[in-house]
Amino acid sequence: MHLPVPERALHWLTNLGWDPAFRSLGLANEIKKQLPSMPVITNGCYETLESIDEGLEHCDMVSMARALIADPELIGTYLNNGKDVPEEERCTRCNRCVGRTTTSPLGCYDVSRFGGSYSDMFCEIMRWNKPIGPLARRTSARPTAARCLSDLQR
């Protein structure tokens, strides 16, 4: 069957293969070559300094939605420490965050990233969705359920 779009673009457009192999960099780079004055953003699995630098070599911007949902302090970690977020703290590309965007608070819903603790997962989600001052009280340690409840009651 002949598809009207290249297979790489089809994967990208349909959210299939959230994997670095399906990063939109090649497609974005081609657009940038054809339209050099147009700002171009590339998307897909930009979660390490190396991948971000690679994207910025060819395009004007990189999109990091899932990576930032998994770790809202990602950019601060890069800028302040000049190092990558540990592999176990990165987005697992499970897409559970996407499936809940219209029904639940924005956050990472992969409980495996929270040691299997649903209370720690929900605490982290609610801490970032708290209406006032979520960044003011941010600590580097993962919260315990008790600390989460205490913070939410303030």
Protein backbone atom coordinates (compact mmCIF):
# COMPACT_ATOMS: atom_id res chain seq x y z
CA MET A 1 0.00 0.00 0.00
CA HIS A 2 1.33 3.43 -0.93
CA LEU A 3 1.08 6.03 1.81
CA PRO A 4 0.83 9.75 0.92
CA VAL A 5 3.44 10.59 3.58
CA PRO A 6 6.85 9.04 4.29
CA GLU A 7 6.78 6.23 6.87
CA ARG A 8 9.06 8.21 9.23
CA ALA A 9 6.61 11.12 9.15
CA LEU A 10 3.66 8.77 9.64
CA HIS A 11 5.20 7.40 12.85
CA TRP A 12 5.81 10.93 14.04
CA LEU A 13 2.33 12.19 13.16
CA THR A 14 0.50 9.24 14.73
CA ASN A 15 2.54 9.03 17.96
CA LEU A 16 3.84 5.59 17.02
CA GLY A 17 7.30 4.72 18.17
CA TRP A 18 8.11 7.27 20.86
CA ASP A 19 11.69 6.29 20.55
CA PRO A 20 14.79 8.31 19.66
CA ALA A 21 14.81 6.48 16.31
CA PHE A 22 11.60 8.34 15.39
CA ARG A 23 12.81 11.79 16.40
CA SER A 24 11.59 14.39 13.90
CA LEU A 25 15.08 15.83 13.45
CA GLY A 26 15.55 14.55 9.90
CA LEU A 27 12.20 15.91 8.77
CA ALA A 28 12.71 19.20 10.63
CA ASN A 29 16.20 19.54 9.15
CA GLU A 30 14.82 19.10 5.63
CA ILE A 31 12.19 21.78 6.27
CA LYS A 32 14.92 24.12 7.61
CA LYS A 33 17.00 23.56 4.46
CA GLN A 34 14.02 24.33 2.21
CA LEU A 35 12.84 27.33 4.26
CA PRO A 36 15.92 28.70 6.05
CA SER A 37 14.21 31.85 7.34
CA MET A 38 11.35 29.90 8.95
CA PRO A 39 11.82 28.97 12.62
CA VAL A 40 11.71 25.18 12.92
CA ILE A 41 11.20 23.04 16.01
CA THR A 42 12.08 19.35 16.25
CA ASN A 43 10.23 16.91 18.47
CA GLY A 44 10.74 13.50 20.03
CA CYS A 45 12.75 12.14 22.95
CA TYR A 46 14.97 15.11 23.66
CA GLU A 47 16.01 14.31 27.22
CA THR A 48 19.82 14.35 27.26
CA LEU A 49 22.27 17.20 26.74
CA GLU A 50 23.73 15.40 23.72
CA SER A 51 20.36 14.96 22.00
CA ILE A 52 19.35 18.56 22.72
CA ASP A 53 22.64 19.88 21.33
CA GLU A 54 22.19 17.70 18.24
CA GLY A 55 18.69 19.08 17.71
CA LEU A 56 19.83 22.67 18.12
CA GLU A 57 22.64 22.17 15.59
CA HIS A 58 20.02 21.67 12.88
CA CYS A 59 16.90 23.47 14.11
CA ASP A 60 15.94 26.57 16.04
CA MET A 61 14.26 24.78 18.95
CA VAL A 62 13.64 21.36 20.45
CA SER A 63 10.34 20.27 21.99
CA MET A 64 10.59 18.54 25.34
CA ALA A 65 7.02 18.04 26.56
CA ARG A 66 7.19 14.52 28.01
CA ALA A 67 10.71 15.01 29.33
CA LEU A 68 9.56 18.10 31.23
CA ILE A 69 6.42 16.39 32.50
CA ALA A 70 8.59 13.58 33.87
CA ASP A 71 11.03 16.05 35.46
CA PRO A 72 9.94 19.69 35.63
CA GLU A 73 13.42 20.60 36.92
CA LEU A 74 15.14 19.14 33.86
CA ILE A 75 16.33 22.45 32.39
CA GLY A 76 17.53 23.68 35.79
CA THR A 77 19.51 20.47 36.23
CA TYR A 78 21.15 21.00 32.86
CA LEU A 79 21.86 24.70 33.36
CA ASN A 80 22.93 24.55 37.02
CA ASN A 81 24.79 21.25 37.04
CA GLY A 82 25.72 20.76 33.38
CA LYS A 83 24.79 17.10 33.53
CA ASP A 84 22.01 14.77 32.43
CA VAL A 85 19.17 13.65 34.64
CA PRO A 86 19.86 10.04 35.74
CA GLU A 87 18.36 7.46 33.37
CA GLU A 88 15.96 6.09 36.01
CA GLU A 89 14.45 9.58 36.48
CA ARG A 90 13.83 10.23 32.77
CA CYS A 91 10.60 9.85 30.88
CA THR A 92 9.86 6.21 30.05
CA ARG A 93 7.78 7.25 27.00
CA CYS A 94 4.78 5.25 28.23
CA ASN A 95 2.34 8.01 27.11
CA ARG A 96 0.24 7.71 30.28
CA CYS A 97 0.58 11.49 30.68
CA VAL A 98 -0.93 12.03 27.24
CA GLY A 99 -3.86 9.74 27.96
CA ARG A 100 -4.82 11.79 31.00
CA THR A 101 -4.36 15.35 29.73
CA THR A 102 -8.09 16.06 29.49
CA THR A 103 -9.20 14.19 32.62
CA SER A 104 -6.47 14.56 35.23
CA PRO A 105 -3.82 16.98 36.49
CA LEU A 106 -0.74 17.22 34.29
CA GLY A 107 2.00 14.87 35.41
CA CYS A 108 3.83 11.61 34.98
CA TYR A 109 1.56 8.63 35.63
CA ASP A 110 4.21 5.91 35.29
CA VAL A 111 4.23 4.49 38.82
CA SER A 112 7.46 2.61 38.10
CA ARG A 113 9.30 5.96 38.22
CA PHE A 114 8.12 6.36 41.83
CA GLY A 115 9.27 3.00 43.18
CA GLY A 116 5.82 1.53 42.61
CA SER A 117 4.25 3.97 45.10
CA TYR A 118 0.99 5.47 43.86
CA SER A 119 0.94 7.88 46.80
CA ASP A 120 4.40 9.23 45.89
CA MET A 121 3.34 9.50 42.25
CA PHE A 122 0.14 11.41 43.05
CA CYS A 123 1.99 13.58 45.54
CA GLU A 124 4.49 14.63 42.87
CA ILE A 125 1.70 15.30 40.39
CA MET A 126 -0.29 17.38 42.86
CA ARG A 127 2.76 19.29 44.03
CA TRP A 128 3.29 20.57 40.49
CA ASN A 129 -0.41 21.31 40.03
CA LYS A 130 -0.86 23.15 43.30
CA PRO A 131 -2.41 26.54 42.55
CA ILE A 132 0.09 28.62 44.55
CA GLY A 133 3.86 28.50 44.80
CA PRO A 134 4.78 24.96 43.68
CA LEU A 135 8.31 26.00 42.75
CA ALA A 136 8.92 27.96 45.95
CA ARG A 137 8.88 24.85 48.13
CA ARG A 138 10.46 22.44 45.65
CA THR A 139 13.12 20.24 47.20
CA SER A 140 15.54 17.92 45.46
CA ALA A 141 14.41 14.84 47.40
CA ARG A 142 11.35 12.87 46.35
CA PRO A 143 8.55 13.54 48.79
CA THR A 144 7.10 11.01 51.16
CA ALA A 145 3.34 10.67 51.22
CA ALA A 146 3.22 12.27 54.70
CA ARG A 147 5.30 15.27 53.58
CA CYS A 148 3.14 15.59 50.49
CA LEU A 149 -0.04 15.74 52.53
CA SER A 150 1.57 18.25 54.89
CA ASP A 151 2.69 20.46 51.97
CA LEU A 152 -0.74 20.31 50.35
CA GLN A 153 -2.41 21.39 53.58
CA ARG A 154 -0.32 24.60 53.78
